[in-house]
Structure formats: structure tokens, C-alpha cells
Amino acid sequence: MPAITYYVALPIMMGEEGDLLPGEPVEALNAWQAKSRAAGLAIHHAGAIAFSRCGDPMSGEFEPAVVIATFGSIPTNLSDLMGSAS
């Protein structure tokens, strides 16, 4: 199966101890929609990230996520956060 690009908006929540945690990812049709959804999510959460990820769902092999946009408060270590969102 050929590689597929997934677009995602990921809300960032403020934990009880003030730590930033990933929320439930929201799929989008394209980069513009992912960015727009992330902007909207950031209004009601600590922040949000729009990103894309390419890969083959049949083999489970994916390239690293590519950040499209960030809004609000975002954790400093995005690689850990993106790994937990996929």
C-alpha cells in the first residue's frame, strides 16, 4: 500500500499539577484544516498543535511527524508528545 499522509490537530491540556498533556487527536483532511482546527482547540485548551505524518498503515511504518503550526502553551519536548499522539 502506498504511503498516506495524515493531518492532525492535537489539543494540549493543563494537568492538575500544571503539566502540559496531549488531548484526544482530531483528524483533518489537509494541512489548512489541521491548522484551523488546532487554532480552534487552543481557544478552549492550554494550546494545540497541527501536524502531519506520512506512512504505510498496513506495515505500521511512519515517518516522524511534521509540525504545521502551534498555538498557546506547548510542551518543550514535542517529540515525546507527538509519539504519544500517534
N, C-alpha and C. Protein backbone atom coordinates (compact mmCIF):
# COMPACT_ATOMS: atom_id res chain seq x y z
N MET A 1 0.84 -1.17 0.00
CA MET A 1 0.00 0.00 0.00
C MET A 1 0.90 1.24 0.00
N PRO A 2 0.57 2.25 -0.79
CA PRO A 2 1.39 3.45 -0.83
C PRO A 2 1.25 4.25 0.47
N ALA A 3 2.20 5.12 0.69
CA ALA A 3 2.20 5.96 1.89
C ALA A 3 1.00 6.90 1.87
N ILE A 4 0.46 7.13 3.04
CA ILE A 4 -0.67 8.03 3.22
C ILE A 4 -0.23 9.14 4.17
N THR A 5 -0.67 10.37 3.91
CA THR A 5 -0.39 11.47 4.82
C THR A 5 -1.62 11.73 5.67
N TYR A 6 -1.43 11.71 6.97
CA TYR A 6 -2.48 12.03 7.93
C TYR A 6 -2.24 13.43 8.45
N TYR A 7 -3.29 14.20 8.60
CA TYR A 7 -3.23 15.54 9.16
C TYR A 7 -4.00 15.52 10.47
N VAL A 8 -3.42 16.12 11.49
CA VAL A 8 -3.98 16.01 12.84
C VAL A 8 -3.88 17.34 13.57
N ALA A 9 -4.92 17.63 14.37
CA ALA A 9 -4.89 18.73 15.33
C ALA A 9 -4.90 18.09 16.71
N LEU A 10 -3.96 18.46 17.55
CA LEU A 10 -3.81 17.85 18.86
C LEU A 10 -3.95 18.92 19.94
N PRO A 11 -5.03 18.84 20.76
CA PRO A 11 -5.15 19.81 21.86
C PRO A 11 -4.13 19.51 22.96
N ILE A 12 -3.69 20.53 23.63
CA ILE A 12 -2.78 20.41 24.77
C ILE A 12 -3.55 20.84 26.01
N MET A 13 -3.62 19.93 26.98
CA MET A 13 -4.38 20.18 28.20
C MET A 13 -3.43 20.51 29.35
N MET A 14 -3.94 21.27 30.30
CA MET A 14 -3.18 21.57 31.52
C MET A 14 -3.56 20.53 32.56
N GLY A 15 -2.57 19.77 33.03
CA GLY A 15 -2.81 18.75 34.04
C GLY A 15 -3.03 19.36 35.41
N GLU A 16 -3.46 18.56 36.36
CA GLU A 16 -3.74 19.04 37.71
C GLU A 16 -2.51 19.64 38.39
N GLU A 17 -1.34 19.16 38.02
CA GLU A 17 -0.11 19.67 38.62
C GLU A 17 0.56 20.73 37.75
N GLY A 18 -0.16 21.22 36.74
CA GLY A 18 0.38 22.27 35.88
C GLY A 18 1.18 21.76 34.71
N ASP A 19 1.25 20.44 34.54
CA ASP A 19 1.99 19.88 33.41
C ASP A 19 1.11 19.90 32.16
N LEU A 20 1.75 19.98 31.01
CA LEU A 20 1.04 20.01 29.73
C LEU A 20 0.93 18.60 29.18
N LEU A 21 -0.29 18.18 28.84
CA LEU A 21 -0.55 16.82 28.40
C LEU A 21 -1.32 16.83 27.09
N PRO A 22 -1.10 15.81 26.24
CA PRO A 22 -1.85 15.75 24.98
C PRO A 22 -3.30 15.34 25.23
N GLY A 23 -4.19 15.94 24.46
CA GLY A 23 -5.60 15.56 24.50
C GLY A 23 -5.88 14.55 23.40
N GLU A 24 -7.12 14.42 23.04
CA GLU A 24 -7.55 13.48 22.01
C GLU A 24 -7.26 14.08 20.62
N PRO A 25 -6.48 13.40 19.78
CA PRO A 25 -6.18 13.93 18.45
C PRO A 25 -7.43 14.00 17.57
N VAL A 26 -7.47 15.03 16.72
CA VAL A 26 -8.58 15.23 15.79
C VAL A 26 -8.02 15.17 14.38
N GLU A 27 -8.50 14.23 13.56
CA GLU A 27 -8.01 14.12 12.18
C GLU A 27 -8.57 15.26 11.33
N ALA A 28 -7.82 15.61 10.30
CA ALA A 28 -8.22 16.66 9.36
C ALA A 28 -7.98 16.15 7.94
N LEU A 29 -8.61 16.81 6.98
CA LEU A 29 -8.47 16.41 5.57
C LEU A 29 -7.19 16.91 4.92
N ASN A 30 -6.67 18.05 5.42
CA ASN A 30 -5.48 18.65 4.81
C ASN A 30 -4.79 19.54 5.83
N ALA A 31 -3.66 20.13 5.43
CA ALA A 31 -2.88 20.96 6.35
C ALA A 31 -3.66 22.19 6.80
N TRP A 32 -4.38 22.81 5.87
CA TRP A 32 -5.15 24.01 6.23
C TRP A 32 -6.18 23.68 7.30
N GLN A 33 -6.90 22.58 7.14
CA GLN A 33 -7.93 22.21 8.11
C GLN A 33 -7.30 21.82 9.46
N ALA A 34 -6.16 21.16 9.44
CA ALA A 34 -5.48 20.81 10.69
C ALA A 34 -5.09 22.08 11.44
N LYS A 35 -4.55 23.06 10.72
CA LYS A 35 -4.16 24.32 11.35
C LYS A 35 -5.38 25.06 11.90
N SER A 36 -6.46 25.08 11.14
CA SER A 36 -7.68 25.75 11.58
C SER A 36 -8.27 25.06 12.81
N ARG A 37 -8.30 23.76 12.82
CA ARG A 37 -8.84 23.02 13.97
C ARG A 37 -7.95 23.22 15.20
N ALA A 38 -6.65 23.24 15.01
CA ALA A 38 -5.74 23.47 16.14
C ALA A 38 -5.96 24.86 16.73
N ALA A 39 -6.15 25.85 15.88
CA ALA A 39 -6.40 27.21 16.36
C ALA A 39 -7.68 27.24 17.20
N GLY A 40 -8.71 26.56 16.74
CA GLY A 40 -9.95 26.49 17.50
C GLY A 40 -9.80 25.74 18.81
N LEU A 41 -9.06 24.65 18.81
CA LEU A 41 -8.84 23.87 20.03
C LEU A 41 -8.07 24.69 21.07
N ALA A 42 -7.16 25.53 20.61
CA ALA A 42 -6.34 26.33 21.53
C ALA A 42 -7.18 27.35 22.30
N ILE A 43 -8.35 27.69 21.78
CA ILE A 43 -9.22 28.64 22.47
C ILE A 43 -9.74 28.03 23.78
N HIS A 44 -9.98 26.74 23.78
CA HIS A 44 -10.58 26.06 24.93
C HIS A 44 -9.59 25.21 25.73
N HIS A 45 -8.33 25.16 25.30
CA HIS A 45 -7.31 24.37 25.98
C HIS A 45 -6.07 25.23 26.18
N ALA A 46 -5.08 24.67 26.84
CA ALA A 46 -3.83 25.41 27.07
C ALA A 46 -3.12 25.75 25.76
N GLY A 47 -3.27 24.90 24.76
CA GLY A 47 -2.64 25.11 23.46
C GLY A 47 -3.07 24.01 22.50
N ALA A 48 -2.47 24.01 21.33
CA ALA A 48 -2.75 22.97 20.34
C ALA A 48 -1.64 22.94 19.30
N ILE A 49 -1.50 21.78 18.66
CA ILE A 49 -0.50 21.58 17.62
C ILE A 49 -1.19 21.00 16.40
N ALA A 50 -0.85 21.51 15.23
CA ALA A 50 -1.27 20.91 13.95
C ALA A 50 -0.05 20.22 13.37
N PHE A 51 -0.20 18.97 12.96
CA PHE A 51 0.94 18.27 12.37
C PHE A 51 0.47 17.28 11.32
N SER A 52 1.43 16.80 10.54
CA SER A 52 1.14 15.76 9.55
C SER A 52 2.11 14.60 9.79
N ARG A 53 1.70 13.47 9.28
CA ARG A 53 2.54 12.27 9.41
C ARG A 53 2.29 11.37 8.22
N CYS A 54 3.35 10.95 7.55
CA CYS A 54 3.25 10.09 6.38
C CYS A 54 3.67 8.67 6.75
N GLY A 55 3.00 7.71 6.15
CA GLY A 55 3.39 6.34 6.40
C GLY A 55 2.46 5.34 5.75
N ASP A 56 2.77 4.11 5.98
CA ASP A 56 2.00 2.99 5.44
C ASP A 56 1.25 2.32 6.58
N PRO A 57 -0.07 2.50 6.66
CA PRO A 57 -0.82 1.91 7.76
C PRO A 57 -0.79 0.38 7.79
N MET A 58 -0.59 -0.25 6.65
CA MET A 58 -0.54 -1.71 6.60
C MET A 58 0.73 -2.25 7.27
N SER A 59 1.85 -1.60 7.03
CA SER A 59 3.10 -2.06 7.62
C SER A 59 3.36 -1.44 8.99
N GLY A 60 2.66 -0.32 9.29
CA GLY A 60 2.87 0.38 10.55
C GLY A 60 4.10 1.26 10.57
N GLU A 61 4.73 1.42 9.41
CA GLU A 61 5.93 2.27 9.32
C GLU A 61 5.52 3.70 8.98
N PHE A 62 5.93 4.63 9.85
CA PHE A 62 5.61 6.05 9.66
C PHE A 62 6.85 6.90 9.80
N GLU A 63 6.89 7.98 9.06
CA GLU A 63 7.95 8.97 9.18
C GLU A 63 7.67 9.82 10.42
N PRO A 64 8.66 10.54 10.91
CA PRO A 64 8.41 11.43 12.04
C PRO A 64 7.36 12.50 11.68
N ALA A 65 6.64 12.94 12.68
CA ALA A 65 5.62 13.97 12.47
C ALA A 65 6.27 15.29 12.06
N VAL A 66 5.55 16.05 11.23
CA VAL A 66 6.00 17.37 10.79
C VAL A 66 5.03 18.39 11.36
N VAL A 67 5.52 19.30 12.20
CA VAL A 67 4.67 20.31 12.81
C VAL A 67 4.31 21.36 11.77
N ILE A 68 3.00 21.62 11.65
CA ILE A 68 2.49 22.63 10.72
C ILE A 68 2.33 23.96 11.44
N ALA A 69 1.76 23.93 12.66
CA ALA A 69 1.55 25.16 13.43
C ALA A 69 1.38 24.81 14.90
N THR A 70 1.68 25.77 15.77
CA THR A 70 1.45 25.62 17.20
C THR A 70 0.71 26.85 17.70
N PHE A 71 -0.10 26.65 18.73
CA PHE A 71 -0.89 27.73 19.32
C PHE A 71 -0.87 27.59 20.83
N GLY A 72 -0.73 28.70 21.55
CA GLY A 72 -0.79 28.68 23.01
C GLY A 72 0.42 28.02 23.64
N SER A 73 0.20 27.42 24.79
CA SER A 73 1.26 26.77 25.55
C SER A 73 1.52 25.37 24.99
N ILE A 74 2.78 25.13 24.67
CA ILE A 74 3.19 23.86 24.06
C ILE A 74 4.36 23.30 24.87
N PRO A 75 4.36 22.00 25.17
CA PRO A 75 5.50 21.40 25.89
C PRO A 75 6.81 21.60 25.13
N THR A 76 7.90 21.68 25.85
CA THR A 76 9.20 21.91 25.21
C THR A 76 9.68 20.70 24.45
N ASN A 77 9.32 19.50 24.86
CA ASN A 77 9.78 18.29 24.19
C ASN A 77 8.66 17.73 23.31
N LEU A 78 8.52 18.28 22.12
CA LEU A 78 7.46 17.86 21.20
C LEU A 78 7.59 16.42 20.75
N SER A 79 8.80 15.89 20.64
CA SER A 79 8.96 14.53 20.14
C SER A 79 8.27 13.52 21.07
N ASP A 80 8.36 13.72 22.38
CA ASP A 80 7.66 12.82 23.30
C ASP A 80 6.15 12.95 23.14
N LEU A 81 5.69 14.17 22.99
CA LEU A 81 4.26 14.42 22.86
C LEU A 81 3.71 13.84 21.57
N MET A 82 4.41 14.02 20.46
CA MET A 82 3.96 13.52 19.18
C MET A 82 3.96 11.99 19.17
N GLY A 83 4.90 11.39 19.84
CA GLY A 83 4.92 9.93 19.91
C GLY A 83 3.72 9.39 20.66
N SER A 84 3.26 10.10 21.66
CA SER A 84 2.11 9.62 22.43
C SER A 84 0.80 9.89 21.71
N ALA A 85 0.81 10.75 20.68
CA ALA A 85 -0.42 11.09 19.98
C ALA A 85 -0.68 10.21 18.78
N SER A 86 0.30 9.45 18.36
CA SER A 86 0.12 8.66 17.14
C SER A 86 -0.35 7.27 17.42
